[in-house]
PDB file of N, CA and C in Angstrom:
ATOM      1  N   UNK A   1    -141.546  46.762  12.191  1.00  0.00           N
ATOM      2  CA  UNK A   1    -141.120  45.420  12.521  1.00  0.00           C
ATOM      3  C   UNK A   1    -142.034  44.801  13.579  1.00  0.00           C
ATOM      4  N   UNK A   2    -142.487  45.613  14.518  1.00  0.00           N
ATOM      5  CA  UNK A   2    -143.302  45.078  15.592  1.00  0.00           C
ATOM      6  C   UNK A   2    -144.609  44.505  15.058  1.00  0.00           C
ATOM      7  N   UNK A   3    -145.226  45.180  14.101  1.00  0.00           N
ATOM      8  CA  UNK A   3    -146.531  44.715  13.629  1.00  0.00           C
ATOM      9  C   UNK A   3    -146.421  43.641  12.552  1.00  0.00           C
ATOM     10  N   UNK A   4    -145.322  43.624  11.803  1.00  0.00           N
ATOM     11  CA  UNK A   4    -145.259  42.668  10.706  1.00  0.00           C
ATOM     12  C   UNK A   4    -144.584  41.358  11.078  1.00  0.00           C
ATOM     13  N   UNK A   5    -143.618  41.364  11.976  1.00  0.00           N
ATOM     14  CA  UNK A   5    -142.884  40.141  12.284  1.00  0.00           C
ATOM     15  C   UNK A   5    -143.128  39.630  13.694  1.00  0.00           C
ATOM     16  N   UNK A   6    -143.113  40.509  14.656  1.00  0.00           N
ATOM     17  CA  UNK A   6    -143.245  40.061  16.042  1.00  0.00           C
ATOM     18  C   UNK A   6    -144.683  39.722  16.416  1.00  0.00           C
ATOM     19  N   UNK A   7    -145.643  40.338  15.764  1.00  0.00           N
ATOM     20  CA  UNK A   7    -147.045  40.057  16.065  1.00  0.00           C
ATOM     21  C   UNK A   7    -147.430  38.618  15.791  1.00  0.00           C
ATOM     22  N   UNK A   8    -147.200  38.110  14.567  1.00  0.00           N
ATOM     23  CA  UNK A   8    -147.527  36.700  14.319  1.00  0.00           C
ATOM     24  C   UNK A   8    -146.715  35.730  15.170  1.00  0.00           C
ATOM     25  N   UNK A   9    -145.467  36.067  15.461  1.00  0.00           N
ATOM     26  CA  UNK A   9    -144.666  35.201  16.330  1.00  0.00           C
ATOM     27  C   UNK A   9    -145.268  35.139  17.727  1.00  0.00           C
ATOM     28  N   UNK A  10    -145.760  36.274  18.212  1.00  0.00           N
ATOM     29  CA  UNK A  10    -146.394  36.297  19.528  1.00  0.00           C
ATOM     30  C   UNK A  10    -147.695  35.504  19.522  1.00  0.00           C
ATOM     31  N   UNK A  11    -148.438  35.569  18.403  1.00  0.00           N
ATOM     32  CA  UNK A  11    -149.666  34.761  18.300  1.00  0.00           C
ATOM     33  C   UNK A  11    -149.347  33.275  18.353  1.00  0.00           C
ATOM     34  N   UNK A  12    -148.309  32.871  17.649  1.00  0.00           N
ATOM     35  CA  UNK A  12    -147.930  31.453  17.654  1.00  0.00           C
ATOM     36  C   UNK A  12    -147.475  31.029  19.044  1.00  0.00           C
ATOM     37  N   UNK A  13    -146.652  31.847  19.696  1.00  0.00           N
ATOM     38  CA  UNK A  13    -146.199  31.509  21.049  1.00  0.00           C
ATOM     39  C   UNK A  13    -147.364  31.468  22.030  1.00  0.00           C
ATOM     40  N   UNK A  14    -148.303  32.395  21.879  1.00  0.00           N
ATOM     41  CA  UNK A  14    -149.476  32.389  22.747  1.00  0.00           C
ATOM     42  C   UNK A  14    -150.323  31.151  22.556  1.00  0.00           C
ATOM     43  N   UNK A  15    -150.498  30.733  21.306  1.00  0.00           N
ATOM     44  CA  UNK A  15    -151.268  29.530  21.017  1.00  0.00           C
ATOM     45  C   UNK A  15    -150.580  28.288  21.556  1.00  0.00           C
ATOM     46  N   UNK A  16    -149.258  28.204  21.340  1.00  0.00           N
ATOM     47  CA  UNK A  16    -148.500  27.045  21.837  1.00  0.00           C
ATOM     48  C   UNK A  16    -148.560  26.983  23.356  1.00  0.00           C
ATOM     49  N   UNK A  17    -148.417  28.131  24.015  1.00  0.00           N
ATOM     50  CA  UNK A  17    -148.449  28.118  25.479  1.00  0.00           C
ATOM     51  C   UNK A  17    -149.826  27.736  25.998  1.00  0.00           C
ATOM     52  N   UNK A  18    -150.892  28.184  25.323  1.00  0.00           N
ATOM     53  CA  UNK A  18    -152.235  27.814  25.749  1.00  0.00           C
ATOM     54  C   UNK A  18    -152.462  26.310  25.610  1.00  0.00           C
ATOM     55  N   UNK A  19    -152.034  25.744  24.474  1.00  0.00           N
ATOM     56  CA  UNK A  19    -152.202  24.305  24.256  1.00  0.00           C
ATOM     57  C   UNK A  19    -151.381  23.515  25.273  1.00  0.00           C
ATOM     58  N   UNK A  20    -150.142  23.949  25.525  1.00  0.00           N
ATOM     59  CA  UNK A  20    -149.321  23.269  26.537  1.00  0.00           C
ATOM     60  C   UNK A  20    -149.955  23.377  27.925  1.00  0.00           C
ATOM     61  N   UNK A  21    -150.579  24.507  28.223  1.00  0.00           N
ATOM     62  CA  UNK A  21    -151.268  24.659  29.500  1.00  0.00           C
ATOM     63  C   UNK A  21    -152.405  23.672  29.655  1.00  0.00           C
ATOM     64  N   UNK A  22    -153.154  23.464  28.583  1.00  0.00           N
ATOM     65  CA  UNK A  22    -154.247  22.488  28.620  1.00  0.00           C
ATOM     66  C   UNK A  22    -153.685  21.075  28.800  1.00  0.00           C
ATOM     67  N   UNK A  23    -152.585  20.774  28.115  1.00  0.00           N
ATOM     68  CA  UNK A  23    -151.960  19.453  28.260  1.00  0.00           C
ATOM     69  C   UNK A  23    -151.474  19.235  29.692  1.00  0.00           C
ATOM     70  N   UNK A  24    -150.821  20.256  30.276  1.00  0.00           N
ATOM     71  CA  UNK A  24    -150.362  20.140  31.662  1.00  0.00           C
ATOM     72  C   UNK A  24    -151.535  19.973  32.614  1.00  0.00           C
ATOM     73  N   UNK A  25    -152.639  20.651  32.353  1.00  0.00           N
ATOM     74  CA  UNK A  25    -153.821  20.508  33.212  1.00  0.00           C
ATOM     75  C   UNK A  25    -154.381  19.092  33.141  1.00  0.00           C
ATOM     76  N   UNK A  26    -154.418  18.524  31.938  1.00  0.00           N
ATOM     77  CA  UNK A  26    -154.892  17.144  31.792  1.00  0.00           C
ATOM     78  C   UNK A  26    -153.958  16.186  32.511  1.00  0.00           C
ATOM     79  N   UNK A  27    -152.647  16.421  32.399  1.00  0.00           N
ATOM     80  CA  UNK A  27    -151.681  15.572  33.103  1.00  0.00           C
ATOM     81  C   UNK A  27    -151.864  15.675  34.616  1.00  0.00           C
ATOM     82  N   UNK A  28    -152.143  16.881  35.121  1.00  0.00           N
ATOM     83  CA  UNK A  28    -152.351  17.065  36.560  1.00  0.00           C
ATOM     84  C   UNK A  28    -153.602  16.328  37.024  1.00  0.00           C
ATOM     85  N   UNK A  29    -154.666  16.409  36.236  1.00  0.00           N
ATOM     86  CA  UNK A  29    -155.907  15.715  36.607  1.00  0.00           C
ATOM     87  C   UNK A  29    -155.702  14.199  36.590  1.00  0.00           C
ATOM     88  N   UNK A  30    -154.991  13.712  35.579  1.00  0.00           N
ATOM     89  CA  UNK A  30    -154.728  12.274  35.518  1.00  0.00           C
ATOM     90  C   UNK A  30    -153.861  11.820  36.701  1.00  0.00           C
ATOM     91  N   UNK A  31    -152.885  12.646  37.097  1.00  0.00           N
ATOM     92  CA  UNK A  31    -152.060  12.308  38.253  1.00  0.00           C
ATOM     93  C   UNK A  31    -152.888  12.318  39.536  1.00  0.00           C
ATOM     94  N   UNK A  32    -153.838  13.259  39.639  1.00  0.00           N
ATOM     95  CA  UNK A  32    -154.716  13.296  40.817  1.00  0.00           C
ATOM     96  C   UNK A  32    -155.593  12.050  40.877  1.00  0.00           C
ATOM     97  N   UNK A  33    -156.104  11.631  39.729  1.00  0.00           N
ATOM     98  CA  UNK A  33    -156.940  10.430  39.691  1.00  0.00           C
ATOM     99  C   UNK A  33    -156.121   9.205  40.093  1.00  0.00           C
ATOM    100  N   UNK A  34    -154.906   9.096  39.560  1.00  0.00           N
ATOM    101  CA  UNK A  34    -154.054   7.952  39.902  1.00  0.00           C
ATOM    102  C   UNK A  34    -153.708   7.969  41.385  1.00  0.00           C
ATOM    103  N   UNK A  35    -153.445   9.158  41.928  1.00  0.00           N
ATOM    104  CA  UNK A  35    -153.100   9.281  43.352  1.00  0.00           C
ATOM    105  C   UNK A  35    -154.294   8.914  44.233  1.00  0.00           C
ATOM    106  N   UNK A  36    -155.498   9.296  43.819  1.00  0.00           N
ATOM    107  CA  UNK A  36    -156.671   9.017  44.649  1.00  0.00           C
ATOM    108  C   UNK A  36    -157.050   7.540  44.634  1.00  0.00           C
ATOM    109  N   UNK A  37    -156.726   6.847  43.561  1.00  0.00           N
ATOM    110  CA  UNK A  37    -157.074   5.426  43.485  1.00  0.00           C
ATOM    111  C   UNK A  37    -156.159   4.557  44.326  1.00  0.00           C
ATOM    112  N   UNK A  38    -154.918   4.959  44.472  1.00  0.00           N
ATOM    113  CA  UNK A  38    -153.984   4.172  45.293  1.00  0.00           C
ATOM    114  C   UNK A  38    -153.143   5.136  46.136  1.00  0.00           C
ATOM    115  N   UNK A  39    -153.601   5.372  47.342  1.00  0.00           N
ATOM    116  CA  UNK A  39    -152.925   6.328  48.214  1.00  0.00           C
ATOM    117  C   UNK A  39    -151.602   5.798  48.740  1.00  0.00           C
ATOM    118  N   UNK A  40    -151.417   4.484  48.767  1.00  0.00           N
ATOM    119  CA  UNK A  40    -150.162   3.917  49.269  1.00  0.00           C
ATOM    120  C   UNK A  40    -149.071   3.888  48.205  1.00  0.00           C
ATOM    121  N   UNK A  41    -149.455   4.052  46.945  1.00  0.00           N
ATOM    122  CA  UNK A  41    -148.487   4.053  45.844  1.00  0.00           C
ATOM    123  C   UNK A  41    -147.768   5.391  45.822  1.00  0.00           C
ATOM    124  N   UNK A  42    -146.446   5.353  45.890  1.00  0.00           N
ATOM    125  CA  UNK A  42    -145.681   6.595  45.928  1.00  0.00           C
ATOM    126  C   UNK A  42    -145.156   7.002  44.556  1.00  0.00           C
ATOM    127  N   UNK A  43    -145.700   6.431  43.479  1.00  0.00           N
ATOM    128  CA  UNK A  43    -145.216   6.784  42.149  1.00  0.00           C
ATOM    129  C   UNK A  43    -145.675   8.180  41.734  1.00  0.00           C
ATOM    130  N   UNK A  44    -146.796   8.644  42.282  1.00  0.00           N
ATOM    131  CA  UNK A  44    -147.275   9.996  41.998  1.00  0.00           C
ATOM    132  C   UNK A  44    -147.157  10.809  43.280  1.00  0.00           C
ATOM    133  N   UNK A  45    -146.208  11.724  43.295  1.00  0.00           N
ATOM    134  CA  UNK A  45    -146.002  12.550  44.481  1.00  0.00           C
ATOM    135  C   UNK A  45    -146.910  13.772  44.433  1.00  0.00           C
ATOM    136  N   UNK A  46    -147.218  14.298  45.589  1.00  0.00           N
ATOM    137  CA  UNK A  46    -148.056  15.485  45.678  1.00  0.00           C
ATOM    138  C   UNK A  46    -147.360  16.690  45.045  1.00  0.00           C
ATOM    139  N   UNK A  47    -146.057  16.751  45.162  1.00  0.00           N
ATOM    140  CA  UNK A  47    -145.301  17.854  44.565  1.00  0.00           C
ATOM    141  C   UNK A  47    -145.415  17.869  43.053  1.00  0.00           C
ATOM    142  N   UNK A  48    -145.461  16.704  42.448  1.00  0.00           N
ATOM    143  CA  UNK A  48    -145.609  16.629  40.980  1.00  0.00           C
ATOM    144  C   UNK A  48    -146.972  17.152  40.555  1.00  0.00           C
ATOM    145  N   UNK A  49    -148.002  16.796  41.301  1.00  0.00           N
ATOM    146  CA  UNK A  49    -149.345  17.285  40.994  1.00  0.00           C
ATOM    147  C   UNK A  49    -149.392  18.798  41.126  1.00  0.00           C
ATOM    148  N   UNK A  50    -148.808  19.320  42.190  1.00  0.00           N
ATOM    149  CA  UNK A  50    -148.784  20.758  42.397  1.00  0.00           C
ATOM    150  C   UNK A  50    -147.983  21.461  41.300  1.00  0.00           C
ATOM    151  N   UNK A  51    -146.839  20.890  40.918  1.00  0.00           N
ATOM    152  CA  UNK A  51    -146.010  21.476  39.872  1.00  0.00           C
ATOM    153  C   UNK A  51    -146.761  21.510  38.539  1.00  0.00           C
ATOM    154  N   UNK A  52    -147.430  20.431  38.182  1.00  0.00           N
ATOM    155  CA  UNK A  52    -148.188  20.400  36.942  1.00  0.00           C
ATOM    156  C   UNK A  52    -149.339  21.407  36.960  1.00  0.00           C
ATOM    157  N   UNK A  53    -149.992  21.553  38.096  1.00  0.00           N
ATOM    158  CA  UNK A  53    -151.099  22.506  38.203  1.00  0.00           C
ATOM    159  C   UNK A  53    -150.617  23.949  38.057  1.00  0.00           C
ATOM    160  N   UNK A  54    -149.515  24.283  38.703  1.00  0.00           N
ATOM    161  CA  UNK A  54    -148.962  25.639  38.601  1.00  0.00           C
ATOM    162  C   UNK A  54    -148.466  25.906  37.182  1.00  0.00           C
ATOM    163  N   UNK A  55    -147.817  24.920  36.565  1.00  0.00           N
ATOM    164  CA  UNK A  55    -147.342  25.088  35.185  1.00  0.00           C
ATOM    165  C   UNK A  55    -148.517  25.288  34.233  1.00  0.00           C
ATOM    166  N   UNK A  56    -149.588  24.557  34.436  1.00  0.00           N
ATOM    167  CA  UNK A  56    -150.774  24.709  33.581  1.00  0.00           C
ATOM    168  C   UNK A  56    -151.363  26.111  33.718  1.00  0.00           C
ATOM    169  N   UNK A  57    -151.470  26.589  34.949  1.00  0.00           N
ATOM    170  CA  UNK A  57    -152.027  27.924  35.162  1.00  0.00           C
ATOM    171  C   UNK A  57    -151.146  28.999  34.537  1.00  0.00           C
ATOM    172  N   UNK A  58    -149.850  28.856  34.671  1.00  0.00           N
ATOM    173  CA  UNK A  58    -148.924  29.850  34.094  1.00  0.00           C
ATOM    174  C   UNK A  58    -148.963  29.832  32.571  1.00  0.00           C
ATOM    175  N   UNK A  59    -149.003  28.651  31.973  1.00  0.00           N
ATOM    176  CA  UNK A  59    -149.002  28.567  30.518  1.00  0.00           C
ATOM    177  C   UNK A  59    -150.301  29.102  29.918  1.00  0.00           C
ATOM    178  N   UNK A  60    -151.421  28.867  30.575  1.00  0.00           N
ATOM    179  CA  UNK A  60    -152.691  29.384  30.075  1.00  0.00           C
ATOM    180  C   UNK A  60    -152.743  30.907  30.219  1.00  0.00           C
ATOM    181  N   UNK A  61    -152.056  31.450  31.216  1.00  0.00           N
ATOM    182  CA  UNK A  61    -152.108  32.894  31.474  1.00  0.00           C
ATOM    183  C   UNK A  61    -151.136  33.707  30.627  1.00  0.00           C
ATOM    184  N   UNK A  62    -150.220  33.079  29.899  1.00  0.00           N
ATOM    185  CA  UNK A  62    -149.217  33.822  29.131  1.00  0.00           C
ATOM    186  C   UNK A  62    -149.843  34.773  28.109  1.00  0.00           C
ATOM    187  N   UNK A  63    -150.870  34.391  27.328  1.00  0.00           N
ATOM    188  CA  UNK A  63    -151.442  35.377  26.397  1.00  0.00           C
ATOM    189  C   UNK A  63    -151.979  36.631  27.083  1.00  0.00           C
ATOM    190  N   UNK A  64    -152.566  36.480  28.253  1.00  0.00           N
ATOM    191  CA  UNK A  64    -153.052  37.638  28.996  1.00  0.00           C
ATOM    192  C   UNK A  64    -151.897  38.489  29.508  1.00  0.00           C
ATOM    193  N   UNK A  65    -150.813  37.835  29.964  1.00  0.00           N
ATOM    194  CA  UNK A  65    -149.641  38.590  30.403  1.00  0.00           C
ATOM    195  C   UNK A  65    -149.023  39.370  29.248  1.00  0.00           C
ATOM    196  N   UNK A  66    -149.058  38.807  28.038  1.00  0.00           N
ATOM    197  CA  UNK A  66    -148.575  39.536  26.870  1.00  0.00           C
ATOM    198  C   UNK A  66    -149.413  40.789  26.636  1.00  0.00           C
ATOM    199  N   UNK A  67    -150.715  40.664  26.803  1.00  0.00           N
ATOM    200  CA  UNK A  67    -151.595  41.818  26.629  1.00  0.00           C
ATOM    201  C   UNK A  67    -151.269  42.904  27.641  1.00  0.00           C
ATOM    202  N   UNK A  68    -151.079  42.530  28.882  1.00  0.00           N
ATOM    203  CA  UNK A  68    -150.765  43.506  29.930  1.00  0.00           C
ATOM    204  C   UNK A  68    -149.407  44.148  29.660  1.00  0.00           C
ATOM    205  N   UNK A  69    -148.447  43.352  29.204  1.00  0.00           N
ATOM    206  CA  UNK A  69    -147.122  43.893  28.907  1.00  0.00           C
ATOM    207  C   UNK A  69    -147.148  44.894  27.772  1.00  0.00           C
ATOM    208  N   UNK A  70    -147.876  44.591  26.714  1.00  0.00           N
ATOM    209  CA  UNK A  70    -147.962  45.515  25.580  1.00  0.00           C
ATOM    210  C   UNK A  70    -148.675  46.790  25.991  1.00  0.00           C
ATOM    211  N   UNK A  71    -149.754  46.660  26.741  1.00  0.00           N
ATOM    212  CA  UNK A  71    -150.490  47.846  27.187  1.00  0.00           C
ATOM    213  C   UNK A  71    -149.646  48.685  28.141  1.00  0.00           C
ATOM    214  N   UNK A  72    -148.806  48.051  28.961  1.00  0.00           N
ATOM    215  CA  UNK A  72    -147.969  48.798  29.898  1.00  0.00           C
ATOM    216  C   UNK A  72    -146.823  49.524  29.196  1.00  0.00           C
ATOM    217  N   UNK A  73    -146.212  48.856  28.219  1.00  0.00           N
ATOM    218  CA  UNK A  73    -145.048  49.443  27.555  1.00  0.00           C
ATOM    219  C   UNK A  73    -145.456  50.471  26.514  1.00  0.00           C
ATOM    220  N   UNK A  74    -146.437  50.142  25.669  1.00  0.00           N
ATOM    221  CA  UNK A  74    -146.792  51.010  24.551  1.00  0.00           C
ATOM    222  C   UNK A  74    -148.020  51.865  24.816  1.00  0.00           C
ATOM    223  N   UNK A  75    -148.715  51.633  25.908  1.00  0.00           N
ATOM    224  CA  UNK A  75    -149.914  52.404  26.218  1.00  0.00           C
ATOM    225  C   UNK A  75    -151.152  51.752  25.635  1.00  0.00           C
ATOM    226  N   UNK A  76    -152.308  52.159  26.142  1.00  0.00           N
ATOM    227  CA  UNK A  76    -153.549  51.540  25.687  1.00  0.00           C
ATOM    228  C   UNK A  76    -153.986  52.055  24.327  1.00  0.00           C
ATOM    229  N   UNK A  77    -153.511  53.217  23.901  1.00  0.00           N
ATOM    230  CA  UNK A  77    -153.887  53.754  22.602  1.00  0.00           C
ATOM    231  C   UNK A  77    -152.937  53.362  21.495  1.00  0.00           C
ATOM    232  N   UNK A  78    -151.952  52.521  21.783  1.00  0.00           N
ATOM    233  CA  UNK A  78    -150.968  52.136  20.782  1.00  0.00           C
ATOM    234  C   UNK A  78    -151.594  51.224  19.731  1.00  0.00           C
ATOM    235  N   UNK A  79    -150.992  51.194  18.574  1.00  0.00           N
ATOM    236  CA  UNK A  79    -151.453  50.323  17.499  1.00  0.00           C
ATOM    237  C   UNK A  79    -151.024  48.898  17.811  1.00  0.00           C
ATOM    238  N   UNK A  80    -151.937  48.124  18.337  1.00  0.00           N
ATOM    239  CA  UNK A  80    -151.647  46.735  18.692  1.00  0.00           C
ATOM    240  C   UNK A  80    -152.181  45.843  17.588  1.00  0.00           C
ATOM    241  N   UNK A  81    -151.319  45.501  16.677  1.00  0.00           N
ATOM    242  CA  UNK A  81    -151.780  44.722  15.537  1.00  0.00           C
ATOM    243  C   UNK A  81    -152.050  43.278  15.900  1.00  0.00           C
ATOM    244  N   UNK A  82    -151.376  42.755  16.935  1.00  0.00           N
ATOM    245  CA  UNK A  82    -151.506  41.337  17.156  1.00  0.00           C
ATOM    246  C   UNK A  82    -151.522  40.945  18.617  1.00  0.00           C
ATOM    247  N   UNK A  83    -150.605  41.434  19.404  1.00  0.00           N
ATOM    248  CA  UNK A  83    -150.409  40.930  20.761  1.00  0.00           C
ATOM    249  C   UNK A  83    -151.438  41.582  21.680  1.00  0.00           C
ATOM    250  N   UNK A  84    -152.607  40.968  21.777  1.00  0.00           N
ATOM    251  CA  UNK A  84    -153.640  41.525  22.630  1.00  0.00           C
ATOM    252  C   UNK A  84    -154.281  40.479  23.530  1.00  0.00           C
ATOM    253  N   UNK A  85    -153.706  39.292  23.603  1.00  0.00           N
ATOM    254  CA  UNK A  85    -154.215  38.263  24.497  1.00  0.00           C
ATOM    255  C   UNK A  85    -155.340  37.439  23.938  1.00  0.00           C
ATOM    256  N   UNK A  86    -155.746  37.697  22.698  1.00  0.00           N
ATOM    257  CA  UNK A  86    -156.841  36.955  22.086  1.00  0.00           C
ATOM    258  C   UNK A  86    -156.277  35.861  21.181  1.00  0.00           C
ATOM    259  N   UNK A  87    -156.937  34.726  21.158  1.00  0.00           N
ATOM    260  CA  UNK A  87    -156.544  33.654  20.254  1.00  0.00           C
ATOM    261  C   UNK A  87    -157.310  33.818  18.948  1.00  0.00           C
ATOM    262  N   UNK A  88    -156.570  33.839  17.852  1.00  0.00           N
ATOM    263  CA  UNK A  88    -157.163  34.016  16.530  1.00  0.00           C
ATOM    264  C   UNK A  88    -156.697  32.892  15.611  1.00  0.00           C
ATOM    265  N   UNK A  89    -157.380  32.747  14.487  1.00  0.00           N
ATOM    266  CA  UNK A  89    -156.918  31.783  13.492  1.00  0.00           C
ATOM    267  C   UNK A  89    -155.722  32.367  12.768  1.00  0.00           C
ATOM    268  N   UNK A  90    -154.745  31.529  12.485  1.00  0.00           N
ATOM    269  CA  UNK A  90    -153.556  31.975  11.782  1.00  0.00           C
ATOM    270  C   UNK A  90    -153.754  31.749  10.299  1.00  0.00           C
ATOM    271  N   UNK A  91    -153.873  32.823   9.546  1.00  0.00           N
ATOM    272  CA  UNK A  91    -154.100  32.719   8.097  1.00  0.00           C
ATOM    273  C   UNK A  91    -152.793  32.731   7.354  1.00  0.00           C
TER     274      UNK A  91
END
């Protein structure tokens, strides 16, 4: 079950989290640009920029955390059919 069903699901979740991380990073950069252009405007708070940056970093790191988790639980010599932290094409 681990190699036939959970592996592709983990690949999809890893891909979605990576894409969401990139989107959050773009949102953080856009918020930084808006904040730098008008420092008196309080529509973009510093906490929002920090939150978006941390969320982006966490979402991009999820595939690597999956790799570490699989290696820790099943060992480095285990048959890892899918969850290894690499982004692949979904056939």
